[in-house]
Amino acid sequence: MDLSVIGAGYVGLATSAILADLGHHVICADTDAHKIEHLAVGNCAIHEPTLPEMLRCNLAAGRLIFTTDTPAAVRSSEVVFIAVGTPLDSNGRPDLRQLRAAAPPRQQRQTAAAPH
């Protein structure tokens, strides 16, 4: 299955690597170009057992790719996972700005969901 994960932080990266390890084709998108450049060559800054090996193995197998082009990732995917931060503000409410920014526009989702 063709999947995309929006957000290449701890949750998004681990999710991407595991889904790719299960045999899915995964595009992991993030707005941080520096982070994406490092991940695309197998450099993993997150310390989680087996994650660096999973990352490198699935990159080499072509099941996992990294990009800053979120709209393209969404268009080429059957399922989109959003894994971005929602930190709490001073009143204990989640700050949803990153989530709203990551959610693909309605037209984009409809185009991506259209039968082929």
C-alpha atoms as a PDB file:
ATOM      1  CA  MET A   1       0.000   0.000   0.000  1.00  0.00           C
ATOM      2  CA  ASP A   2       1.211   3.536  -0.728  1.00  0.00           C
ATOM      3  CA  LEU A   3       1.256   5.592   2.478  1.00  0.00           C
ATOM      4  CA  SER A   4       2.502   8.953   3.637  1.00  0.00           C
ATOM      5  CA  VAL A   5       3.383  10.209   7.079  1.00  0.00           C
ATOM      6  CA  ILE A   6       3.369  13.950   7.675  1.00  0.00           C
ATOM      7  CA  GLY A   7       5.952  14.797  10.318  1.00  0.00           C
ATOM      8  CA  ALA A   8       9.406  13.258  10.711  1.00  0.00           C
ATOM      9  CA  GLY A   9       9.782  13.676  14.457  1.00  0.00           C
ATOM     10  CA  TYR A  10       9.913  10.812  16.942  1.00  0.00           C
ATOM     11  CA  VAL A  11       6.394   9.498  16.237  1.00  0.00           C
ATOM     12  CA  GLY A  12       6.395  10.139  12.488  1.00  0.00           C
ATOM     13  CA  LEU A  13       9.823   8.661  11.863  1.00  0.00           C
ATOM     14  CA  ALA A  14       9.184   5.529  13.908  1.00  0.00           C
ATOM     15  CA  THR A  15       5.777   5.077  12.263  1.00  0.00           C
ATOM     16  CA  SER A  16       7.285   5.519   8.791  1.00  0.00           C
ATOM     17  CA  ALA A  17      10.071   3.020   9.416  1.00  0.00           C
ATOM     18  CA  ILE A  18       7.756   0.388  10.899  1.00  0.00           C
ATOM     19  CA  LEU A  19       5.177   0.712   8.106  1.00  0.00           C
ATOM     20  CA  ALA A  20       7.952   0.405   5.511  1.00  0.00           C
ATOM     21  CA  ASP A  21       9.373  -2.593   7.370  1.00  0.00           C
ATOM     22  CA  LEU A  22       5.946  -4.222   7.061  1.00  0.00           C
ATOM     23  CA  GLY A  23       6.280  -3.899   3.279  1.00  0.00           C
ATOM     24  CA  HIS A  24       4.381  -0.690   2.554  1.00  0.00           C
ATOM     25  CA  HIS A  25       5.767   2.087   0.353  1.00  0.00           C
ATOM     26  CA  VAL A  26       6.053   5.110   2.645  1.00  0.00           C
ATOM     27  CA  ILE A  27       6.734   8.763   1.940  1.00  0.00           C
ATOM     28  CA  CYS A  28       7.658  10.675   5.090  1.00  0.00           C
ATOM     29  CA  ALA A  29       7.201  14.438   4.675  1.00  0.00           C
ATOM     30  CA  ASP A  30       8.393  17.266   6.891  1.00  0.00           C
ATOM     31  CA  THR A  31       8.904  21.005   6.501  1.00  0.00           C
ATOM     32  CA  ASP A  32      12.423  20.847   7.974  1.00  0.00           C
ATOM     33  CA  ALA A  33      14.639  20.463   4.900  1.00  0.00           C
ATOM     34  CA  HIS A  34      17.776  19.909   7.006  1.00  0.00           C
ATOM     35  CA  LYS A  35      16.145  16.998   8.852  1.00  0.00           C
ATOM     36  CA  ILE A  36      14.878  15.489   5.578  1.00  0.00           C
ATOM     37  CA  GLU A  37      18.345  15.714   3.981  1.00  0.00           C
ATOM     38  CA  HIS A  38      19.865  13.771   6.881  1.00  0.00           C
ATOM     39  CA  LEU A  39      17.104  11.157   6.992  1.00  0.00           C
ATOM     40  CA  ALA A  40      17.249  10.622   3.226  1.00  0.00           C
ATOM     41  CA  VAL A  41      20.820   9.343   3.556  1.00  0.00           C
ATOM     42  CA  GLY A  42      20.082   7.195   6.600  1.00  0.00           C
ATOM     43  CA  ASN A  43      21.250   9.508   9.383  1.00  0.00           C
ATOM     44  CA  CYS A  44      18.933   8.976  12.338  1.00  0.00           C
ATOM     45  CA  ALA A  45      19.167  11.368  15.300  1.00  0.00           C
ATOM     46  CA  ILE A  46      16.481   9.556  17.318  1.00  0.00           C
ATOM     47  CA  HIS A  47      17.736   6.985  19.798  1.00  0.00           C
ATOM     48  CA  GLU A  48      15.369   4.048  19.577  1.00  0.00           C
ATOM     49  CA  PRO A  49      16.501   0.412  19.423  1.00  0.00           C
ATOM     50  CA  THR A  50      16.627  -0.912  15.830  1.00  0.00           C
ATOM     51  CA  LEU A  51      15.294   2.347  14.315  1.00  0.00           C
ATOM     52  CA  PRO A  52      18.538   3.324  12.527  1.00  0.00           C
ATOM     53  CA  GLU A  53      18.838  -0.167  11.022  1.00  0.00           C
ATOM     54  CA  MET A  54      15.175  -0.189   9.985  1.00  0.00           C
ATOM     55  CA  LEU A  55      15.593   3.233   8.421  1.00  0.00           C
ATOM     56  CA  ARG A  56      18.669   2.274   6.398  1.00  0.00           C
ATOM     57  CA  CYS A  57      17.247  -1.108   5.327  1.00  0.00           C
ATOM     58  CA  ASN A  58      13.983   0.387   4.039  1.00  0.00           C
ATOM     59  CA  LEU A  59      15.751   3.287   2.324  1.00  0.00           C
ATOM     60  CA  ALA A  60      17.955   0.778   0.494  1.00  0.00           C
ATOM     61  CA  ALA A  61      14.917  -1.343  -0.434  1.00  0.00           C
ATOM     62  CA  GLY A  62      13.121   1.711  -1.835  1.00  0.00           C
ATOM     63  CA  ARG A  63      10.168   1.322   0.509  1.00  0.00           C
ATOM     64  CA  LEU A  64      10.893   4.549   2.412  1.00  0.00           C
ATOM     65  CA  ILE A  65      11.592   7.992   1.020  1.00  0.00           C
ATOM     66  CA  PHE A  66      11.757  11.437   2.579  1.00  0.00           C
ATOM     67  CA  THR A  67      10.539  14.738   1.158  1.00  0.00           C
ATOM     68  CA  THR A  68       9.619  18.309   1.991  1.00  0.00           C
ATOM     69  CA  ASP A  69       6.876  18.197  -0.679  1.00  0.00           C
ATOM     70  CA  THR A  70       3.862  17.341   1.470  1.00  0.00           C
ATOM     71  CA  PRO A  71       1.249  17.936  -1.272  1.00  0.00           C
ATOM     72  CA  ALA A  72       3.037  15.476  -3.590  1.00  0.00           C
ATOM     73  CA  ALA A  73       3.279  12.911  -0.793  1.00  0.00           C
ATOM     74  CA  VAL A  74      -0.452  13.223  -0.117  1.00  0.00           C
ATOM     75  CA  ARG A  75      -1.379  12.964  -3.803  1.00  0.00           C
ATOM     76  CA  SER A  76       0.573   9.744  -4.257  1.00  0.00           C
ATOM     77  CA  SER A  77      -0.776   7.999  -1.144  1.00  0.00           C
ATOM     78  CA  GLU A  78      -3.787   5.859  -0.399  1.00  0.00           C
ATOM     79  CA  VAL A  79      -3.576   6.657   3.322  1.00  0.00           C
ATOM     80  CA  VAL A  80      -2.093   9.704   5.070  1.00  0.00           C
ATOM     81  CA  PHE A  81      -0.962   9.694   8.708  1.00  0.00           C
ATOM     82  CA  ILE A  82      -0.395  13.038  10.440  1.00  0.00           C
ATOM     83  CA  ALA A  83       2.209  12.926  13.216  1.00  0.00           C
ATOM     84  CA  VAL A  84       2.953  16.523  14.193  1.00  0.00           C
ATOM     85  CA  GLY A  85       3.309  18.213  17.551  1.00  0.00           C
ATOM     86  CA  THR A  86       0.325  19.545  19.480  1.00  0.00           C
ATOM     87  CA  PRO A  87       1.974  21.101  22.543  1.00  0.00           C
ATOM     88  CA  LEU A  88      -0.183  22.479  25.323  1.00  0.00           C
ATOM     89  CA  ASP A  89      -0.523  26.220  25.761  1.00  0.00           C
ATOM     90  CA  SER A  90      -0.374  27.967  29.148  1.00  0.00           C
ATOM     91  CA  ASN A  91      -4.060  27.112  29.742  1.00  0.00           C
ATOM     92  CA  GLY A  92      -3.542  23.409  29.077  1.00  0.00           C
ATOM     93  CA  ARG A  93      -5.214  23.474  25.649  1.00  0.00           C
ATOM     94  CA  PRO A  94      -3.496  21.831  22.696  1.00  0.00           C
ATOM     95  CA  ASP A  95      -1.958  24.144  20.131  1.00  0.00           C
ATOM     96  CA  LEU A  96      -3.337  22.790  16.860  1.00  0.00           C
ATOM     97  CA  ARG A  97      -1.489  25.105  14.464  1.00  0.00           C
ATOM     98  CA  GLN A  98       0.926  22.387  13.282  1.00  0.00           C
ATOM     99  CA  LEU A  99      -1.948  19.962  12.801  1.00  0.00           C
ATOM    100  CA  ARG A 100      -3.951  22.476  10.780  1.00  0.00           C
ATOM    101  CA  ALA A 101      -0.905  23.315   8.667  1.00  0.00           C
ATOM    102  CA  ALA A 102      -0.231  19.626   7.987  1.00  0.00           C
ATOM    103  CA  ALA A 103      -3.799  18.682   7.059  1.00  0.00           C
ATOM    104  CA  PRO A 104      -4.077  18.616   3.288  1.00  0.00           C
ATOM    105  CA  PRO A 105      -6.619  21.005   1.795  1.00  0.00           C
ATOM    106  CA  ARG A 106      -9.976  19.434   1.018  1.00  0.00           C
ATOM    107  CA  GLN A 107      -9.487  19.600  -2.743  1.00  0.00           C
ATOM    108  CA  GLN A 108      -6.134  17.834  -2.426  1.00  0.00           C
ATOM    109  CA  ARG A 109      -7.695  15.006  -0.391  1.00  0.00           C
ATOM    110  CA  GLN A 110     -10.500  14.570  -2.917  1.00  0.00           C
ATOM    111  CA  THR A 111      -8.049  14.441  -5.799  1.00  0.00           C
ATOM    112  CA  ALA A 112      -5.901  11.911  -3.956  1.00  0.00           C
ATOM    113  CA  ALA A 113      -8.953   9.791  -3.116  1.00  0.00           C
ATOM    114  CA  ALA A 114     -10.327   9.771  -6.654  1.00  0.00           C
ATOM    115  CA  PRO A 115     -10.421   6.292  -8.245  1.00  0.00           C
ATOM    116  CA  HIS A 116      -7.595   5.601 -10.685  1.00  0.00           C
END
